[in-house]
């Protein structure tokens, strides 16, 4: 009788070790899935913040033009197109690093904004880029510039300008 009880105890110990190993493995799988989702949502949040900032700058461009018109000042579209868009808002983003000449993306931390004066481009350096696909290949960044809008069918540089738009320099796909 005693031997049967000892065998039952040994068997239950072996099964409890196996059960514990299965539980630990399941916890590991769920933790991995949770971390994967967390990184995904962090990247989605970064995209949303970048696009919110770009939309704020688009609106600021329109307000800037309206302000110039209201003050009866001459609209020099070419000059406005070369301005740093961060000057149109009260407070630039926390991660705005300033104005530079040329590509300084290697010198700045990821998640930063900067204005490239030589190309009149506002650049955002992605922090998380697992789901980012630039159309031309290259670095994980989005470049913006102010584009002069001309009447439909007119392409000459000397033609009349009817407005300005802040647009990406090249298309990109993020998600």
N, C-alpha and C. Protein backbone atom coordinates (compact mmCIF):
# COMPACT_ATOMS: atom_id res chain seq x y z
N UNK A 1 0.81 -1.18 0.00
CA UNK A 1 0.00 0.00 0.00
C UNK A 1 0.87 1.26 0.00
N UNK A 2 1.89 1.21 0.81
CA UNK A 2 2.79 2.35 0.91
C UNK A 2 3.50 2.59 -0.42
N UNK A 3 3.90 1.54 -1.09
CA UNK A 3 4.57 1.68 -2.38
C UNK A 3 3.65 2.32 -3.42
N UNK A 4 2.40 1.95 -3.44
CA UNK A 4 1.44 2.52 -4.38
C UNK A 4 1.29 4.03 -4.15
N UNK A 5 1.28 4.46 -2.89
CA UNK A 5 1.17 5.88 -2.56
C UNK A 5 2.43 6.61 -3.02
N UNK A 6 3.63 6.00 -2.79
CA UNK A 6 4.88 6.60 -3.22
C UNK A 6 4.92 6.75 -4.75
N UNK A 7 4.47 5.72 -5.47
CA UNK A 7 4.43 5.79 -6.94
C UNK A 7 3.49 6.91 -7.40
N UNK A 8 2.36 7.04 -6.76
CA UNK A 8 1.40 8.08 -7.12
C UNK A 8 2.01 9.47 -6.89
N UNK A 9 2.76 9.61 -5.78
CA UNK A 9 3.40 10.89 -5.50
C UNK A 9 4.46 11.20 -6.54
N UNK A 10 5.27 10.19 -6.91
CA UNK A 10 6.31 10.40 -7.93
C UNK A 10 5.67 10.80 -9.26
N UNK A 11 4.61 10.16 -9.63
CA UNK A 11 3.91 10.48 -10.88
C UNK A 11 3.33 11.89 -10.86
N UNK A 12 2.79 12.30 -9.75
CA UNK A 12 2.22 13.65 -9.67
C UNK A 12 3.32 14.70 -9.71
N UNK A 13 4.52 14.42 -9.15
CA UNK A 13 5.64 15.34 -9.23
C UNK A 13 6.09 15.51 -10.68
N UNK A 14 6.16 14.42 -11.40
CA UNK A 14 6.59 14.48 -12.80
C UNK A 14 5.58 15.26 -13.63
N UNK A 15 4.31 15.02 -13.38
CA UNK A 15 3.30 15.74 -14.15
C UNK A 15 3.26 17.21 -13.76
N UNK A 16 3.52 17.56 -12.52
CA UNK A 16 3.51 18.97 -12.13
C UNK A 16 4.69 19.71 -12.76
N UNK A 17 5.83 19.05 -12.93
CA UNK A 17 6.97 19.66 -13.61
C UNK A 17 6.63 19.90 -15.08
N UNK A 18 6.01 18.93 -15.71
CA UNK A 18 5.59 19.06 -17.11
C UNK A 18 4.56 20.18 -17.25
N UNK A 19 3.59 20.22 -16.35
CA UNK A 19 2.58 21.28 -16.39
C UNK A 19 3.23 22.64 -16.21
N UNK A 20 4.19 22.75 -15.32
CA UNK A 20 4.88 24.01 -15.09
C UNK A 20 5.65 24.45 -16.34
N UNK A 21 6.29 23.49 -17.00
CA UNK A 21 7.03 23.81 -18.23
C UNK A 21 6.09 24.31 -19.32
N UNK A 22 4.92 23.69 -19.44
CA UNK A 22 3.94 24.14 -20.43
C UNK A 22 3.45 25.54 -20.09
N UNK A 23 3.18 25.81 -18.83
CA UNK A 23 2.72 27.13 -18.42
C UNK A 23 3.79 28.18 -18.71
N UNK A 24 5.05 27.89 -18.40
CA UNK A 24 6.14 28.82 -18.67
C UNK A 24 6.28 29.07 -20.17
N UNK A 25 6.16 28.03 -20.97
CA UNK A 25 6.24 28.19 -22.43
C UNK A 25 5.10 29.06 -22.95
N UNK A 26 3.90 28.84 -22.45
CA UNK A 26 2.75 29.65 -22.87
C UNK A 26 2.93 31.11 -22.47
N UNK A 27 3.42 31.33 -21.27
CA UNK A 27 3.68 32.70 -20.82
C UNK A 27 4.72 33.36 -21.73
N UNK A 28 5.75 32.64 -22.11
CA UNK A 28 6.76 33.16 -23.02
C UNK A 28 6.19 33.54 -24.37
N UNK A 29 5.34 32.68 -24.92
CA UNK A 29 4.71 32.96 -26.21
C UNK A 29 3.83 34.20 -26.11
N UNK A 30 3.00 34.28 -25.07
CA UNK A 30 2.13 35.44 -24.91
C UNK A 30 2.93 36.72 -24.67
N UNK A 31 4.01 36.64 -23.93
CA UNK A 31 4.86 37.82 -23.71
C UNK A 31 5.48 38.28 -25.02
N UNK A 32 5.93 37.34 -25.85
CA UNK A 32 6.49 37.69 -27.15
C UNK A 32 5.46 38.37 -28.04
N UNK A 33 4.25 37.83 -28.06
CA UNK A 33 3.18 38.45 -28.85
C UNK A 33 2.83 39.84 -28.34
N UNK A 34 2.81 39.99 -27.03
CA UNK A 34 2.52 41.28 -26.43
C UNK A 34 3.59 42.31 -26.81
N UNK A 35 4.85 41.93 -26.74
CA UNK A 35 5.94 42.84 -27.09
C UNK A 35 5.88 43.22 -28.57
N UNK A 36 5.56 42.26 -29.42
CA UNK A 36 5.43 42.53 -30.86
C UNK A 36 4.34 43.57 -31.10
N UNK A 37 3.19 43.40 -30.46
CA UNK A 37 2.08 44.34 -30.61
C UNK A 37 2.45 45.71 -30.04
N UNK A 38 3.19 45.72 -28.93
CA UNK A 38 3.59 46.97 -28.31
C UNK A 38 4.46 47.79 -29.26
N UNK A 39 5.43 47.15 -29.90
CA UNK A 39 6.30 47.84 -30.86
C UNK A 39 5.48 48.34 -32.05
N UNK A 40 4.53 47.54 -32.51
CA UNK A 40 3.66 47.93 -33.61
C UNK A 40 2.89 49.20 -33.25
N UNK A 41 2.29 49.23 -32.06
CA UNK A 41 1.50 50.38 -31.65
C UNK A 41 2.37 51.61 -31.38
N UNK A 42 3.60 51.41 -30.91
CA UNK A 42 4.51 52.53 -30.74
C UNK A 42 4.84 53.16 -32.09
N UNK A 43 5.06 52.33 -33.10
CA UNK A 43 5.35 52.84 -34.43
C UNK A 43 4.13 53.55 -35.02
N UNK A 44 2.95 52.99 -34.82
CA UNK A 44 1.72 53.63 -35.30
C UNK A 44 1.53 54.99 -34.62
N UNK A 45 1.87 55.08 -33.34
CA UNK A 45 1.77 56.35 -32.62
C UNK A 45 2.78 57.36 -33.17
N UNK A 46 3.99 56.91 -33.49
CA UNK A 46 4.99 57.80 -34.06
C UNK A 46 4.50 58.36 -35.39
N UNK A 47 3.91 57.51 -36.22
CA UNK A 47 3.37 57.95 -37.51
C UNK A 47 2.27 58.98 -37.30
N UNK A 48 1.39 58.73 -36.35
CA UNK A 48 0.29 59.64 -36.09
C UNK A 48 0.81 61.01 -35.61
N UNK A 49 1.83 61.01 -34.77
CA UNK A 49 2.40 62.26 -34.27
C UNK A 49 3.07 63.02 -35.42
N UNK A 50 3.82 62.32 -36.28
CA UNK A 50 4.47 62.98 -37.41
C UNK A 50 3.44 63.60 -38.35
N UNK A 51 2.37 62.85 -38.65
CA UNK A 51 1.34 63.36 -39.55
C UNK A 51 0.56 64.51 -38.92
N UNK A 52 0.35 64.46 -37.62
CA UNK A 52 -0.31 65.57 -36.92
C UNK A 52 0.54 66.83 -37.03
N UNK A 53 1.84 66.69 -36.83
CA UNK A 53 2.73 67.84 -36.94
C UNK A 53 2.74 68.39 -38.37
N UNK A 54 2.76 67.50 -39.37
CA UNK A 54 2.72 67.95 -40.76
C UNK A 54 1.41 68.68 -41.06
N UNK A 55 0.30 68.16 -40.56
CA UNK A 55 -0.99 68.83 -40.78
C UNK A 55 -1.04 70.19 -40.08
N UNK A 56 -0.42 70.29 -38.92
CA UNK A 56 -0.33 71.57 -38.22
C UNK A 56 0.45 72.57 -39.07
N UNK A 57 1.54 72.11 -39.68
CA UNK A 57 2.35 72.99 -40.52
C UNK A 57 1.61 73.37 -41.81
N UNK A 58 0.81 72.46 -42.35
CA UNK A 58 0.00 72.79 -43.54
C UNK A 58 -0.98 73.91 -43.21
N UNK A 59 -1.63 73.80 -42.07
CA UNK A 59 -2.56 74.83 -41.64
C UNK A 59 -1.81 76.14 -41.35
N UNK A 60 -0.64 76.05 -40.73
CA UNK A 60 0.15 77.23 -40.42
C UNK A 60 0.57 77.95 -41.70
N UNK A 61 0.84 77.22 -42.76
CA UNK A 61 1.17 77.84 -44.05
C UNK A 61 0.00 78.67 -44.54
N UNK A 62 -1.20 78.13 -44.47
CA UNK A 62 -2.38 78.87 -44.93
C UNK A 62 -2.62 80.11 -44.06
N UNK A 63 -2.43 79.98 -42.76
CA UNK A 63 -2.59 81.12 -41.86
C UNK A 63 -1.53 82.18 -42.17
N UNK A 64 -0.31 81.76 -42.44
CA UNK A 64 0.78 82.68 -42.77
C UNK A 64 0.44 83.47 -44.03
N UNK A 65 -0.05 82.79 -45.06
CA UNK A 65 -0.43 83.47 -46.31
C UNK A 65 -1.60 84.42 -46.04
N UNK A 66 -2.58 83.96 -45.28
CA UNK A 66 -3.71 84.82 -44.94
C UNK A 66 -3.29 86.05 -44.17
N UNK A 67 -2.35 85.90 -43.28
CA UNK A 67 -1.83 87.02 -42.51
C UNK A 67 -1.15 88.04 -43.43
N UNK A 68 -0.35 87.56 -44.37
CA UNK A 68 0.31 88.46 -45.32
C UNK A 68 -0.72 89.21 -46.17
N UNK A 69 -1.76 88.51 -46.61
CA UNK A 69 -2.81 89.15 -47.40
C UNK A 69 -3.55 90.19 -46.56
N UNK A 70 -3.86 89.84 -45.31
CA UNK A 70 -4.59 90.76 -44.43
C UNK A 70 -3.79 92.03 -44.14
N UNK A 71 -2.48 91.92 -44.12
CA UNK A 71 -1.63 93.08 -43.88
C UNK A 71 -1.26 93.80 -45.17
N UNK A 72 -1.85 93.38 -46.27
CA UNK A 72 -1.62 93.98 -47.59
C UNK A 72 -0.16 93.90 -48.03
N UNK A 73 0.53 92.88 -47.62
CA UNK A 73 1.93 92.70 -48.01
C UNK A 73 1.99 91.89 -49.30
N UNK A 74 3.03 92.12 -50.05
CA UNK A 74 3.21 91.40 -51.32
C UNK A 74 3.48 89.93 -51.02
N UNK A 75 2.87 89.07 -51.82
CA UNK A 75 3.09 87.63 -51.66
C UNK A 75 4.20 87.18 -52.60
N UNK A 76 5.34 86.90 -52.03
CA UNK A 76 6.45 86.35 -52.82
C UNK A 76 6.43 84.84 -52.58
N UNK A 77 5.71 84.13 -53.44
CA UNK A 77 5.54 82.69 -53.25
C UNK A 77 6.87 81.94 -53.24
N UNK A 78 7.80 82.36 -54.08
CA UNK A 78 9.10 81.68 -54.13
C UNK A 78 9.83 81.83 -52.80
N UNK A 79 9.74 83.02 -52.20
CA UNK A 79 10.40 83.23 -50.91
C UNK A 79 9.72 82.41 -49.82
N UNK A 80 8.40 82.40 -49.79
CA UNK A 80 7.67 81.64 -48.79
C UNK A 80 7.99 80.15 -48.93
N UNK A 81 8.13 79.68 -50.17
CA UNK A 81 8.43 78.26 -50.42
C UNK A 81 9.80 77.87 -49.88
N UNK A 82 10.69 78.83 -49.71
CA UNK A 82 12.03 78.52 -49.19
C UNK A 82 12.13 78.72 -47.68
N UNK A 83 11.07 79.22 -47.04
CA UNK A 83 11.10 79.46 -45.60
C UNK A 83 11.03 78.16 -44.82
N UNK A 84 11.53 78.22 -43.60
CA UNK A 84 11.43 77.10 -42.68
C UNK A 84 10.01 77.06 -42.12
N UNK A 85 9.24 76.01 -42.39
CA UNK A 85 7.86 75.94 -41.89
C UNK A 85 7.75 76.01 -40.38
N UNK A 86 8.80 75.64 -39.66
CA UNK A 86 8.74 75.69 -38.20
C UNK A 86 8.63 77.12 -37.68
N UNK A 87 8.93 78.10 -38.53
CA UNK A 87 8.80 79.50 -38.13
C UNK A 87 7.35 79.97 -38.15
N UNK A 88 6.48 79.19 -38.74
CA UNK A 88 5.07 79.57 -38.85
C UNK A 88 4.26 79.16 -37.63
N UNK A 89 4.85 78.41 -36.73
CA UNK A 89 4.11 77.95 -35.56
C UNK A 89 4.73 78.56 -34.30
N UNK A 90 3.93 78.64 -33.24
CA UNK A 90 4.41 79.25 -31.99
C UNK A 90 5.54 78.45 -31.36
N UNK A 91 5.34 77.14 -31.29
CA UNK A 91 6.34 76.28 -30.66
C UNK A 91 6.64 75.10 -31.56
N UNK A 92 7.89 74.94 -31.97
CA UNK A 92 8.22 73.75 -32.76
C UNK A 92 8.14 72.49 -31.90
N UNK A 93 8.09 71.33 -32.52
CA UNK A 93 8.04 70.08 -31.75
C UNK A 93 9.26 69.96 -30.83
N UNK A 94 9.09 69.19 -29.78
CA UNK A 94 10.17 69.00 -28.81
C UNK A 94 11.43 68.46 -29.48
N UNK A 95 11.26 67.61 -30.46
CA UNK A 95 12.41 66.97 -31.11
C UNK A 95 12.88 67.72 -32.36
N UNK A 96 12.52 69.00 -32.48
CA UNK A 96 13.03 69.81 -33.59
C UNK A 96 14.45 70.24 -33.25
N UNK A 97 15.39 69.96 -34.14
CA UNK A 97 16.82 70.20 -33.86
C UNK A 97 17.37 71.47 -34.48
N UNK A 98 16.62 72.13 -35.36
CA UNK A 98 17.08 73.40 -35.92
C UNK A 98 17.30 73.34 -37.42
N UNK A 99 18.00 74.38 -37.92
CA UNK A 99 18.28 74.52 -39.35
C UNK A 99 19.73 74.14 -39.63
N UNK A 100 19.92 73.43 -40.72
CA UNK A 100 21.26 73.00 -41.12
C UNK A 100 21.39 73.15 -42.63
N UNK A 101 22.60 73.12 -43.12
CA UNK A 101 22.85 73.10 -44.55
C UNK A 101 23.26 71.69 -44.93
N UNK A 102 22.47 71.04 -45.75
CA UNK A 102 22.78 69.69 -46.20
C UNK A 102 22.17 68.62 -45.32
N UNK A 103 22.49 67.39 -45.68
CA UNK A 103 21.95 66.22 -44.98
C UNK A 103 22.75 65.96 -43.71
N UNK A 104 22.12 66.13 -42.57
CA UNK A 104 22.78 65.88 -41.29
C UNK A 104 22.10 64.73 -40.55
N UNK A 105 21.37 63.91 -41.28
CA UNK A 105 20.58 62.84 -40.65
C UNK A 105 21.45 61.84 -39.89
N UNK A 106 22.68 61.67 -40.29
CA UNK A 106 23.57 60.74 -39.58
C UNK A 106 24.01 61.28 -38.23
N UNK A 107 23.95 62.61 -38.08
CA UNK A 107 24.43 63.25 -36.85
C UNK A 107 23.33 63.48 -35.82
N UNK A 108 22.09 63.31 -36.20
CA UNK A 108 20.97 63.60 -35.31
C UNK A 108 20.32 62.31 -34.82
N UNK A 109 19.71 62.35 -33.63
CA UNK A 109 19.03 61.14 -33.13
C UNK A 109 17.77 60.84 -33.93
N UNK A 110 17.39 59.58 -33.94
CA UNK A 110 16.16 59.18 -34.61
C UNK A 110 14.98 59.85 -33.92
N UNK A 111 13.93 60.09 -34.70
CA UNK A 111 12.75 60.75 -34.15
C UNK A 111 12.87 62.26 -34.16
N UNK A 112 13.87 62.80 -34.86
CA UNK A 112 14.12 64.24 -34.88
C UNK A 112 13.59 64.89 -36.16
N UNK A 113 13.26 66.18 -36.03
CA UNK A 113 12.93 67.04 -37.16
C UNK A 113 14.11 67.99 -37.37
N UNK A 114 14.38 68.35 -38.61
CA UNK A 114 15.31 69.45 -38.88
C UNK A 114 14.97 70.06 -40.23
N UNK A 115 15.45 71.28 -40.45
CA UNK A 115 15.21 71.97 -41.72
C UNK A 115 16.52 72.03 -42.47
N UNK A 116 16.52 71.50 -43.70
CA UNK A 116 17.69 71.53 -44.59
C UNK A 116 17.58 72.80 -45.43
N UNK A 117 18.37 73.81 -45.08
CA UNK A 117 18.30 75.09 -45.79
C UNK A 117 18.77 74.99 -47.23
N UNK A 118 19.69 74.11 -47.53
CA UNK A 118 20.20 74.02 -48.90
C UNK A 118 19.14 73.51 -49.88
N UNK A 119 18.22 72.67 -49.42
CA UNK A 119 17.16 72.15 -50.28
C UNK A 119 15.78 72.70 -49.93
N UNK A 120 15.70 73.55 -48.90
CA UNK A 120 14.43 74.07 -48.39
C UNK A 120 13.47 72.92 -48.09
N UNK A 121 13.97 71.93 -47.36
CA UNK A 121 13.17 70.75 -47.01
C UNK A 121 13.14 70.57 -45.49
N UNK A 122 11.96 70.24 -45.01
CA UNK A 122 11.80 69.86 -43.62
C UNK A 122 11.90 68.34 -43.56
N UNK A 123 12.75 67.83 -42.70
CA UNK A 123 13.03 66.40 -42.66
C UNK A 123 12.64 65.82 -41.31
N UNK A 124 11.96 64.66 -41.37
CA UNK A 124 11.67 63.90 -40.15
C UNK A 124 12.40 62.57 -40.23
N UNK A 125 13.21 62.27 -39.22
CA UNK A 125 13.97 61.02 -39.16
C UNK A 125 13.19 60.02 -38.31
N UNK A 126 12.75 58.95 -38.92
CA UNK A 126 11.93 57.97 -38.21
C UNK A 126 12.72 57.29 -37.10
N UNK A 127 12.04 57.05 -36.00
CA UNK A 127 12.63 56.29 -34.90
C UNK A 127 12.35 54.80 -35.10
N UNK A 128 11.11 54.46 -35.34
CA UNK A 128 10.70 53.07 -35.57
C UNK A 128 10.27 52.96 -37.03
N UNK A 129 10.90 52.07 -37.77
CA UNK A 129 10.65 52.03 -39.21
C UNK A 129 10.42 50.63 -39.76
N UNK A 130 9.93 49.72 -38.95
CA UNK A 130 9.72 48.35 -39.43
C UNK A 130 8.67 48.28 -40.53
N UNK A 131 7.69 49.18 -40.49
CA UNK A 131 6.60 49.16 -41.45
C UNK A 131 6.67 50.33 -42.44
N UNK A 132 7.84 50.94 -42.55
CA UNK A 132 8.03 52.09 -43.44
C UNK A 132 8.67 51.64 -44.75
N UNK A 133 8.09 52.08 -45.86
CA UNK A 133 8.62 51.76 -47.18
C UNK A 133 8.78 53.04 -47.99
N UNK A 134 10.01 53.56 -48.09
CA UNK A 134 10.19 54.73 -48.96
C UNK A 134 10.03 54.31 -50.42
N UNK A 135 9.46 55.19 -51.23
CA UNK A 135 9.20 54.81 -52.63
C UNK A 135 10.50 54.70 -53.43
N UNK A 136 11.49 55.48 -53.10
CA UNK A 136 12.75 55.48 -53.85
C UNK A 136 13.85 54.67 -53.16
N UNK A 137 13.52 53.94 -52.14
CA UNK A 137 14.54 53.26 -51.36
C UNK A 137 15.24 54.28 -50.47
N UNK A 138 16.29 53.88 -49.85
CA UNK A 138 17.05 54.84 -49.07
C UNK A 138 16.71 54.82 -47.59
N UNK A 139 16.94 55.96 -46.95
CA UNK A 139 16.84 56.08 -45.50
C UNK A 139 15.41 56.16 -45.00
N UNK A 140 15.28 55.89 -43.73
CA UNK A 140 13.98 55.97 -43.07
C UNK A 140 13.75 57.41 -42.63
N UNK A 141 13.29 58.21 -43.57
CA UNK A 141 12.99 59.61 -43.29
C UNK A 141 11.90 60.08 -44.24
N UNK A 142 11.22 61.13 -43.82
CA UNK A 142 10.21 61.75 -44.66
C UNK A 142 10.64 63.20 -44.83
N UNK A 143 10.73 63.62 -46.09
CA UNK A 143 11.13 64.99 -46.39
C UNK A 143 9.92 65.75 -46.93
N UNK A 144 9.73 66.97 -46.44
CA UNK A 144 8.62 67.82 -46.84
C UNK A 144 9.16 69.10 -47.46
N UNK A 145 8.44 69.63 -48.45
CA UNK A 145 8.77 70.94 -48.99
C UNK A 145 7.49 71.68 -49.37
N UNK A 146 7.63 72.98 -49.54
CA UNK A 146 6.49 73.80 -49.96
C UNK A 146 6.49 73.84 -51.49
N UNK A 147 5.40 73.38 -52.06
CA UNK A 147 5.25 73.29 -53.52
C UNK A 147 4.36 74.44 -54.00
N UNK A 148 4.80 75.10 -55.07
CA UNK A 148 3.99 76.14 -55.66
C UNK A 148 2.92 75.50 -56.55
N UNK A 149 1.68 75.89 -56.36
CA UNK A 149 0.56 75.35 -57.13
C UNK A 149 0.28 76.30 -58.29
N UNK A 150 0.25 75.74 -59.48
CA UNK A 150 0.01 76.53 -60.70
C UNK A 150 -1.30 76.09 -61.33
N UNK A 151 -1.85 76.92 -62.20
CA UNK A 151 -3.09 76.51 -62.88
C UNK A 151 -2.92 75.19 -63.63
N UNK A 152 -3.97 74.44 -63.75
CA UNK A 152 -3.94 73.14 -64.42
C UNK A 152 -3.47 73.31 -65.86
N UNK A 153 -2.53 72.45 -66.25
CA UNK A 153 -2.02 72.46 -67.62
C UNK A 153 -0.88 73.43 -67.85
N UNK A 154 -0.48 74.18 -66.84
CA UNK A 154 0.61 75.14 -66.98
C UNK A 154 1.78 74.65 -66.15
N UNK A 155 2.93 74.47 -66.79
CA UNK A 155 4.08 73.92 -66.08
C UNK A 155 5.27 74.86 -66.01
N UNK A 156 5.25 75.92 -66.79
CA UNK A 156 6.41 76.82 -66.85
C UNK A 156 6.65 77.48 -65.50
N UNK A 157 7.91 77.65 -65.16
CA UNK A 157 8.26 78.27 -63.88
C UNK A 157 7.81 79.72 -63.80
N UNK A 158 7.69 80.37 -64.93
CA UNK A 158 7.30 81.78 -64.94
C UNK A 158 5.79 81.98 -64.91
N UNK A 159 5.04 80.88 -64.90
CA UNK A 159 3.58 81.01 -64.92
C UNK A 159 3.05 81.49 -63.57
N UNK A 160 1.81 81.86 -63.57
CA UNK A 160 1.17 82.37 -62.37
C UNK A 160 1.07 81.27 -61.30
N UNK A 161 1.33 81.65 -60.06
CA UNK A 161 1.18 80.74 -58.93
C UNK A 161 -0.15 81.06 -58.26
N UNK A 162 -0.94 80.02 -57.99
CA UNK A 162 -2.25 80.23 -57.38
C UNK A 162 -2.28 79.81 -55.91
N UNK A 163 -1.21 79.23 -55.42
CA UNK A 163 -1.18 78.83 -54.02
C UNK A 163 0.06 78.04 -53.68
N UNK A 164 0.14 77.65 -52.41
CA UNK A 164 1.26 76.86 -51.91
C UNK A 164 0.72 75.67 -51.13
N UNK A 165 1.47 74.57 -51.16
CA UNK A 165 1.11 73.37 -50.40
C UNK A 165 2.36 72.78 -49.77
N UNK A 166 2.24 72.31 -48.56
CA UNK A 166 3.32 71.55 -47.92
C UNK A 166 3.07 70.09 -48.23
N UNK A 167 3.99 69.48 -48.97
CA UNK A 167 3.81 68.10 -49.44
C UNK A 167 5.10 67.30 -49.24
N UNK A 168 4.99 65.98 -49.15
CA UNK A 168 6.21 65.17 -49.10
C UNK A 168 7.00 65.31 -50.41
N UNK A 169 8.32 65.32 -50.30
CA UNK A 169 9.18 65.42 -51.48
C UNK A 169 9.00 64.18 -52.36
N UNK A 170 8.91 63.02 -51.74
CA UNK A 170 8.68 61.78 -52.47
C UNK A 170 7.64 60.96 -51.71
N UNK A 171 6.85 60.20 -52.44
CA UNK A 171 5.82 59.41 -51.74
C UNK A 171 6.46 58.34 -50.85
N UNK A 172 5.73 57.96 -49.86
CA UNK A 172 6.20 56.91 -48.94
C UNK A 172 4.99 56.10 -48.50
N UNK A 173 5.26 54.93 -48.00
CA UNK A 173 4.19 54.09 -47.44
C UNK A 173 4.62 53.70 -46.03
N UNK A 174 3.78 54.03 -45.09
CA UNK A 174 4.08 53.69 -43.69
C UNK A 174 2.85 52.97 -43.16
N UNK A 175 2.93 51.68 -43.12
CA UNK A 175 1.88 50.72 -42.77
C UNK A 175 1.07 50.37 -43.99
